[in-house]
Protein backbone atom coordinates (compact mmCIF):
# COMPACT_ATOMS: atom_id res chain seq x y z
CA MET A 1 47.55 -20.93 -24.89
CA GLY A 2 46.01 -20.94 -28.37
CA PHE A 3 43.87 -18.21 -29.88
CA ASN A 4 42.26 -18.37 -33.30
CA CYS A 5 40.07 -16.55 -35.79
CA GLY A 6 37.80 -18.48 -38.13
CA ILE A 7 37.67 -17.11 -41.68
CA VAL A 8 34.08 -17.31 -42.94
CA GLY A 9 32.12 -16.06 -45.93
CA LEU A 10 30.01 -17.10 -48.88
CA PRO A 11 31.61 -19.25 -51.58
CA ASN A 12 33.84 -17.38 -54.06
CA VAL A 13 34.38 -14.24 -52.00
CA GLY A 14 38.17 -14.79 -51.81
CA LYS A 15 38.19 -16.59 -48.47
CA SER A 16 40.58 -19.41 -49.35
CA THR A 17 42.77 -17.08 -51.41
CA LEU A 18 43.09 -14.86 -48.35
CA PHE A 19 43.83 -17.84 -46.13
CA ASN A 20 46.57 -18.96 -48.54
CA ALA A 21 48.06 -15.49 -48.36
CA VAL A 22 47.79 -15.25 -44.58
CA THR A 23 49.59 -18.53 -44.02
CA ARG A 24 51.87 -18.29 -47.07
CA THR A 25 50.72 -21.78 -48.04
CA ALA A 26 48.60 -23.32 -50.75
CA ASN A 27 46.79 -25.66 -48.37
CA ALA A 28 43.34 -24.30 -49.23
CA GLN A 29 42.13 -24.71 -52.77
CA ALA A 30 40.88 -21.54 -54.42
CA ALA A 31 38.88 -23.12 -57.22
CA ASN A 32 36.04 -21.17 -58.80
CA TYR A 33 33.19 -23.25 -57.38
CA PRO A 34 31.47 -23.68 -53.98
CA PHE A 35 32.64 -26.16 -51.33
CA CYS A 36 36.23 -26.43 -52.56
CA THR A 37 37.29 -26.24 -48.91
CA ILE A 38 35.64 -29.11 -47.11
CA GLU A 39 37.76 -29.57 -43.99
CA PRO A 40 38.86 -26.47 -42.11
CA ASN A 41 42.50 -25.63 -42.73
CA VAL A 42 44.48 -24.20 -39.85
CA GLY A 43 47.34 -21.77 -40.39
CA ARG A 44 49.67 -20.51 -37.67
CA VAL A 45 50.93 -17.02 -38.45
CA ALA A 46 53.43 -14.67 -36.84
CA VAL A 47 51.93 -11.47 -35.44
CA PRO A 48 53.78 -8.53 -37.07
CA ASP A 49 55.42 -6.42 -34.35
CA GLU A 50 58.24 -3.99 -35.14
CA ARG A 51 59.03 -3.76 -31.40
CA LEU A 52 60.75 -7.16 -31.54
CA ASP A 53 63.43 -5.95 -33.97
CA ASN A 54 63.78 -2.66 -32.10
CA ILE A 55 64.45 -4.53 -28.84
CA ASN A 56 66.94 -6.80 -30.59
CA LYS A 57 68.89 -3.85 -32.00
CA ILE A 58 69.72 -3.06 -28.37
CA VAL A 59 69.98 -6.60 -26.94
CA ASN A 60 71.59 -8.30 -29.96
CA ALA A 61 70.24 -11.76 -29.08
CA LYS A 62 71.09 -15.00 -30.86
CA ARG A 63 67.52 -15.39 -32.07
CA VAL A 64 64.26 -13.46 -32.31
CA VAL A 65 60.93 -15.29 -31.87
CA PRO A 66 57.57 -13.64 -32.66
CA THR A 67 54.28 -14.59 -31.10
CA PHE A 68 51.69 -16.46 -33.16
CA MET A 69 47.97 -16.75 -33.67
CA GLU A 70 45.89 -19.15 -35.74
CA PHE A 71 43.54 -18.61 -38.64
CA VAL A 72 41.07 -21.35 -39.52
CA ASP A 73 39.71 -21.48 -43.08
CA ILE A 74 36.09 -22.63 -42.87
CA ALA A 75 34.27 -23.76 -46.00
CA GLY A 76 31.85 -21.32 -47.64
CA LEU A 77 28.43 -21.06 -46.04
CA VAL A 78 25.32 -20.81 -48.18
CA LYS A 79 21.70 -19.84 -47.59
CA GLY A 80 20.06 -22.72 -45.70
CA ALA A 81 23.28 -23.80 -43.96
CA SER A 82 21.52 -23.85 -40.57
CA ARG A 83 19.13 -26.42 -42.03
CA GLY A 84 22.00 -28.54 -43.36
CA GLU A 85 22.20 -27.07 -46.87
CA GLY A 86 25.62 -27.32 -48.53
CA LEU A 87 27.29 -29.26 -45.71
CA GLY A 88 26.00 -26.51 -43.41
CA ASN A 89 25.92 -28.39 -40.11
CA GLN A 90 29.52 -29.44 -40.52
CA PHE A 91 30.66 -25.88 -41.25
CA LEU A 92 28.64 -24.36 -38.41
CA GLY A 93 30.24 -26.90 -36.08
CA HIS A 94 33.68 -25.68 -37.16
CA ILE A 95 32.74 -22.05 -36.47
CA LYS A 96 31.73 -22.98 -32.92
CA GLN A 97 35.32 -24.05 -32.23
CA VAL A 98 36.96 -20.68 -33.01
CA ASP A 99 37.44 -17.71 -30.67
CA ALA A 100 36.46 -14.93 -33.09
CA ILE A 101 35.32 -14.53 -36.69
CA VAL A 102 36.92 -12.85 -39.70
CA HIS A 103 34.07 -12.42 -42.18
CA VAL A 104 35.43 -12.03 -45.73
CA VAL A 105 33.06 -9.99 -47.90
CA ARG A 106 33.36 -9.63 -51.65
CA CYS A 107 33.65 -5.95 -52.57
CA PHE A 108 35.02 -6.38 -56.10
CA GLU A 109 33.44 -6.84 -59.52
CA ASP A 110 34.79 -9.68 -61.69
CA SER A 111 32.73 -11.46 -64.33
CA ASN A 112 35.27 -14.30 -64.34
CA VAL A 113 34.60 -15.21 -60.70
CA THR A 114 31.06 -16.49 -60.22
CA HIS A 115 29.09 -15.01 -57.32
CA VAL A 116 26.77 -17.48 -55.66
CA ASP A 117 23.92 -14.91 -55.84
CA GLY A 118 24.82 -13.53 -59.27
CA SER A 119 25.98 -10.04 -58.25
CA THR A 120 28.21 -8.15 -55.81
CA ASP A 121 26.24 -6.85 -52.82
CA PRO A 122 28.17 -6.81 -49.51
CA VAL A 123 25.17 -5.95 -47.30
CA ARG A 124 23.09 -8.80 -48.73
CA ASP A 125 26.03 -11.21 -48.38
CA VAL A 126 26.64 -10.25 -44.75
CA ASP A 127 22.93 -10.60 -44.02
CA THR A 128 22.91 -14.10 -45.58
CA ILE A 129 25.75 -15.30 -43.36
CA ASN A 130 24.52 -13.57 -40.21
CA THR A 131 21.00 -14.98 -40.67
CA GLU A 132 22.36 -18.51 -40.90
CA LEU A 133 24.47 -18.02 -37.77
CA VAL A 134 21.49 -16.60 -35.85
CA TYR A 135 19.31 -19.51 -37.00
CA SER A 136 21.97 -21.93 -35.75
CA ASP A 137 22.03 -20.24 -32.34
CA PHE A 138 18.23 -20.23 -32.28
CA GLU A 139 18.28 -24.03 -32.63
CA THR A 140 20.83 -24.27 -29.82
CA VAL A 141 18.62 -22.21 -27.48
CA ASN A 142 15.54 -24.27 -28.42
CA LYS A 143 17.39 -27.48 -27.52
CA SER A 144 18.41 -25.95 -24.21
CA LEU A 145 14.79 -24.93 -23.48
CA ASP A 146 13.55 -28.45 -24.29
CA LYS A 147 16.12 -29.92 -21.90
CA MET A 148 15.21 -27.48 -19.11
CA SER A 149 11.43 -27.90 -19.55
CA ARG A 150 11.72 -31.43 -18.17
CA LEU A 151 13.39 -30.08 -15.01
CA LEU A 152 11.13 -27.09 -14.26
CA LYS A 153 8.84 -29.12 -12.03
CA ASN A 154 11.71 -29.47 -9.53
CA ASN A 155 11.49 -25.69 -8.89
CA ASP A 156 15.27 -25.39 -8.87
CA LYS A 157 16.01 -21.64 -8.69
CA LYS A 158 18.98 -21.85 -11.04
CA ILE A 159 17.01 -23.80 -13.66
CA LEU A 160 14.09 -21.38 -13.40
CA ALA A 161 16.41 -18.37 -13.84
CA SER A 162 18.19 -19.98 -16.81
CA HIS A 163 14.84 -20.85 -18.38
CA GLU A 164 13.69 -17.23 -18.07
CA CYS A 165 16.97 -16.03 -19.62
CA ALA A 166 16.62 -18.56 -22.47
CA LEU A 167 13.10 -17.34 -23.29
CA ARG A 168 14.35 -13.74 -23.50
CA LEU A 169 17.30 -14.86 -25.61
CA LYS A 170 15.04 -16.83 -27.95
CA ASN A 171 12.90 -13.73 -28.47
CA HIS A 172 16.06 -11.68 -29.13
CA LEU A 173 17.31 -14.14 -31.77
CA GLU A 174 13.87 -14.30 -33.41
CA GLY A 175 14.42 -10.63 -34.27
CA LEU A 176 17.54 -11.78 -36.19
CA LYS A 177 19.78 -9.97 -33.70
CA PRO A 178 23.10 -11.60 -32.74
CA ALA A 179 23.62 -12.96 -29.24
CA ARG A 180 26.48 -10.49 -28.62
CA SER A 181 23.88 -7.69 -28.41
CA PHE A 182 21.78 -9.61 -25.85
CA VAL A 183 21.90 -7.99 -22.39
CA THR A 184 22.30 -10.32 -19.41
CA LEU A 185 20.99 -9.28 -15.98
CA ASN A 186 23.46 -11.01 -13.63
CA GLU A 187 26.44 -13.39 -13.39
CA ASP A 188 24.24 -16.49 -13.44
CA GLU A 189 22.84 -15.42 -16.82
CA ASP A 190 26.40 -14.74 -18.02
CA ASP A 191 27.38 -18.27 -17.02
CA TYR A 192 24.32 -19.76 -18.74
CA LEU A 193 25.05 -17.82 -21.93
CA LYS A 194 28.69 -18.98 -21.92
CA SER A 195 27.56 -22.59 -21.53
CA LEU A 196 25.64 -22.40 -24.84
CA HIS A 197 28.77 -21.56 -26.91
CA LEU A 198 26.69 -19.43 -29.28
CA ILE A 199 28.27 -18.48 -32.60
CA THR A 200 26.82 -14.97 -32.70
CA ARG A 201 28.37 -14.12 -29.31
CA LYS A 202 31.79 -14.16 -30.98
CA GLN A 203 33.34 -10.87 -32.02
CA VAL A 204 33.44 -10.20 -35.78
CA LEU A 205 35.94 -8.42 -38.00
CA TYR A 206 34.98 -7.75 -41.63
CA ALA A 207 37.62 -8.16 -44.34
CA ALA A 208 36.55 -6.18 -47.42
CA ASN A 209 38.11 -7.98 -50.39
CA VAL A 210 38.79 -5.40 -53.14
CA ASN A 211 40.70 -5.09 -56.41
CA GLU A 212 44.36 -4.14 -55.95
CA ASN A 213 43.91 -0.71 -57.55
CA GLU A 214 41.56 0.30 -54.69
CA LEU A 215 44.10 -0.30 -51.93
CA ALA A 216 46.23 2.86 -52.15
CA ASP A 217 43.49 5.09 -50.70
CA ASN A 218 41.95 2.35 -48.51
CA ALA A 219 39.03 2.05 -50.97
CA ILE A 220 37.53 5.38 -49.84
CA ASN A 221 35.61 5.69 -53.11
CA SER A 222 34.34 2.11 -53.25
CA LYS A 223 30.54 2.02 -52.92
CA HIS A 224 30.74 -1.63 -51.87
CA VAL A 225 33.32 -1.00 -49.11
CA ASN A 226 31.48 2.07 -47.84
CA ALA A 227 28.22 0.10 -47.65
CA LEU A 228 30.08 -2.52 -45.59
CA ARG A 229 31.62 0.17 -43.36
CA ASN A 230 28.19 1.63 -42.64
CA LEU A 231 26.85 -1.79 -41.69
CA ALA A 232 29.88 -2.55 -39.47
CA GLU A 233 29.67 0.81 -37.71
CA LYS A 234 26.05 0.18 -36.72
CA GLU A 235 26.97 -3.10 -35.03
CA GLY A 236 30.24 -1.85 -33.51
CA SER A 237 32.53 -3.95 -35.72
CA LYS A 238 35.62 -2.99 -37.73
CA VAL A 239 36.46 -3.30 -41.44
CA VAL A 240 39.93 -4.07 -42.81
CA VAL A 241 40.42 -3.51 -46.55
CA VAL A 242 42.48 -6.21 -48.28
CA SER A 243 43.06 -7.57 -51.75
CA ALA A 244 43.27 -11.31 -51.31
CA LYS A 245 44.65 -11.89 -54.81
CA LEU A 246 47.36 -9.25 -54.40
CA GLU A 247 48.33 -10.56 -50.96
CA GLU A 248 48.64 -14.07 -52.37
CA GLU A 249 50.90 -12.73 -55.14
CA LEU A 250 53.03 -10.82 -52.62
CA GLY A 251 53.43 -14.05 -50.66
CA GLN A 252 55.19 -15.63 -53.64
CA LEU A 253 57.81 -12.84 -53.86
CA ASP A 254 60.94 -12.25 -51.80
CA ALA A 255 60.97 -9.25 -49.46
CA GLU A 256 62.69 -6.88 -51.89
CA GLU A 257 60.42 -7.74 -54.83
CA ALA A 258 57.34 -7.44 -52.61
CA LYS A 259 58.42 -3.97 -51.46
CA LEU A 260 58.95 -2.78 -55.04
CA TYR A 261 55.53 -4.14 -56.03
CA MET A 262 53.91 -2.36 -53.07
CA ASP A 263 55.76 0.86 -53.89
CA ASP A 264 54.36 0.73 -57.43
CA LEU A 265 50.85 0.44 -55.99
CA LYS A 266 51.57 3.15 -53.35
CA ILE A 267 50.85 0.71 -50.51
CA THR A 268 52.84 1.22 -47.29
CA GLU A 269 51.76 -1.85 -45.29
CA PRO A 270 50.50 -5.23 -46.51
CA GLY A 271 46.78 -5.67 -45.91
CA LEU A 272 47.58 -8.96 -44.23
CA ASP A 273 49.65 -7.29 -41.53
CA ARG A 274 46.69 -5.04 -40.76
CA LEU A 275 44.34 -8.03 -40.79
CA ILE A 276 46.52 -10.08 -38.42
CA LYS A 277 46.93 -7.12 -36.03
CA ALA A 278 43.18 -6.44 -36.14
CA GLY A 279 42.45 -10.13 -35.46
CA TYR A 280 44.85 -10.07 -32.50
CA SER A 281 43.09 -7.00 -31.10
CA LEU A 282 39.66 -8.54 -31.76
CA LEU A 283 40.60 -11.49 -29.56
CA GLY A 284 41.44 -9.11 -26.71
CA LEU A 285 45.13 -9.98 -26.74
CA MET A 286 48.33 -8.10 -26.00
CA THR A 287 52.05 -8.83 -26.02
CA TYR A 288 54.84 -8.85 -23.47
CA PHE A 289 58.50 -9.58 -24.19
CA THR A 290 61.40 -11.46 -22.69
CA ALA A 291 64.83 -10.17 -23.69
CA GLY A 292 68.26 -11.71 -23.11
CA VAL A 293 71.42 -12.54 -25.04
CA GLN A 294 70.05 -15.95 -25.99
CA GLU A 295 66.63 -14.83 -27.20
CA VAL A 296 64.28 -11.90 -27.67
CA ARG A 297 60.75 -13.24 -27.70
CA ALA A 298 57.14 -12.03 -27.84
CA TRP A 299 54.45 -13.74 -25.75
CA THR A 300 50.67 -13.52 -26.09
CA ILE A 301 48.46 -12.86 -23.07
CA PRO A 302 44.85 -11.68 -22.64
CA LYS A 303 44.36 -8.03 -21.71
CA ALA A 304 44.22 -7.49 -17.90
CA CYS A 305 46.35 -10.62 -17.36
CA LYS A 306 48.21 -10.75 -14.04
CA ALA A 307 51.92 -11.50 -13.70
CA PRO A 308 51.68 -15.16 -12.51
CA GLN A 309 49.40 -16.07 -15.44
CA ALA A 310 51.76 -14.29 -17.84
CA ALA A 311 54.60 -16.37 -16.40
CA GLY A 312 52.52 -19.51 -16.92
CA VAL A 313 52.43 -18.87 -20.67
CA ILE A 314 56.16 -19.64 -20.71
CA HIS A 315 55.89 -22.69 -18.44
CA SER A 316 53.37 -23.89 -15.87
CA ASP A 317 56.19 -24.16 -13.28
CA PHE A 318 56.77 -20.39 -13.60
CA GLU A 319 53.18 -19.79 -12.50
CA LYS A 320 53.14 -22.44 -9.74
CA GLY A 321 56.32 -21.20 -8.13
CA PHE A 322 55.91 -17.50 -8.94
CA ILE A 323 57.89 -15.21 -6.62
CA CYS A 324 57.91 -11.91 -8.52
CA ALA A 325 58.33 -10.36 -11.95
CA GLU A 326 61.13 -7.98 -12.88
CA VAL A 327 59.50 -5.48 -15.24
CA TYR A 328 60.41 -2.51 -17.39
CA ALA A 329 58.66 -0.81 -20.29
CA TYR A 330 59.52 -1.14 -23.97
CA ASP A 331 59.22 2.64 -24.42
CA ASP A 332 61.76 3.25 -21.63
CA LEU A 333 64.24 0.79 -23.18
CA ILE A 334 64.00 2.47 -26.59
CA ARG A 335 64.22 5.97 -25.11
CA LEU A 336 67.20 5.23 -22.85
CA GLY A 337 69.01 2.73 -25.09
CA SER A 338 69.90 -0.09 -22.67
CA GLU A 339 68.61 -2.17 -19.77
CA THR A 340 71.44 -0.75 -17.61
CA LYS A 341 70.27 2.81 -18.20
CA VAL A 342 66.67 1.78 -17.44
CA LYS A 343 67.90 0.46 -14.07
CA GLU A 344 69.94 3.61 -13.42
CA ALA A 345 66.82 5.70 -14.07
CA GLY A 346 64.91 3.70 -11.43
CA LEU A 347 62.48 2.32 -14.02
CA TYR A 348 63.37 -1.37 -13.58
CA ARG A 349 61.08 -2.69 -10.84
CA LYS A 350 59.86 -5.81 -9.08
CA GLU A 351 56.13 -6.61 -9.18
CA GLY A 352 54.11 -9.16 -7.20
CA ARG A 353 51.33 -11.55 -8.09
CA ASP A 354 48.67 -8.81 -8.26
CA TYR A 355 50.51 -6.86 -10.96
CA VAL A 356 48.35 -6.37 -14.06
CA CYS A 357 50.58 -6.65 -17.14
CA LYS A 358 50.71 -3.91 -19.74
CA ASP A 359 51.17 -4.26 -23.48
CA GLY A 360 54.88 -3.85 -24.23
CA ASP A 361 56.17 -4.89 -20.81
CA ILE A 362 59.60 -6.55 -20.87
CA MET A 363 59.58 -9.16 -18.10
CA ASN A 364 61.80 -11.58 -16.27
CA PHE A 365 60.25 -14.01 -13.79
CA LEU A 366 61.69 -15.29 -10.52
CA PHE A 367 60.16 -18.55 -9.39
CA ASN A 368 60.78 -21.48 -7.07
CA VAL A 369 59.38 -24.97 -7.60
């Protein structure tokens, strides 16, 4: 089960630098000119979770395995991308393949790094990208309307309903509003909307890229970051403050050196850890654990996932032959200090196929194939 966030933004906002830092690789060039990233780079990153080590302090397993998510570095969009400018169609196609979007926005001043529009203005930059994405979706809806118009004469109720929905959606997008704020009226409209795979239906997280000296206080005095926060609040999105250049530098250091560097800057947690956690949350994901002497491991599941589907993440046979799940809570393990004491307290239980998993569950599955 793969989940990914596409990293988007204008050229020279620090997108590829951030991607390099996230994945601890140098796969994406960070040259000071547009279109240096032509094919999307994919990086698989561990999701930071201190609960893994805390479980292992009790279990003392032979190995500890985190859960992962993917970040996809997508080349810089420019004004006119929806009309094919600057390899636009190719890039928009890549965005359609991701589950959610991390929009990197330049919130720093640096005369040595050229801005495609000549100055730093986060609101304008966000508007440029969002407009191109809306235009792209507008074209998708138009194509769908053209296809349906040839079938209207058949008076098929489903086609007629979808056509009506598409007309309302087209009008919505013409107002330069994203598809995620479009209100559907019933399940059929939901299904139609899903079938279009619209870019602006995806959830967005803004990464405010700042200078390293603005990180200690989370850039509370940055006019650029505050302008971005105001914009994000209006649309119900979140902002994570990062310094892509600093994070890339930290990635080149060993753990002890990185901690000393962060201490000097009065930073308690790497911006990347916050970004990865925020991306994980944006995708509507949560974590359950398996814990034994061989391995303590984190597993990714969607929120509201039921026990058989959670078992299927480990192996499809676990889901097919699901009998029950043995479950206890992470908090109970930490509080009581051992699985034995959890059992003695009556907090180790068996759950059936209708059990809705909770974040932090520690699970063992019984199955028969």
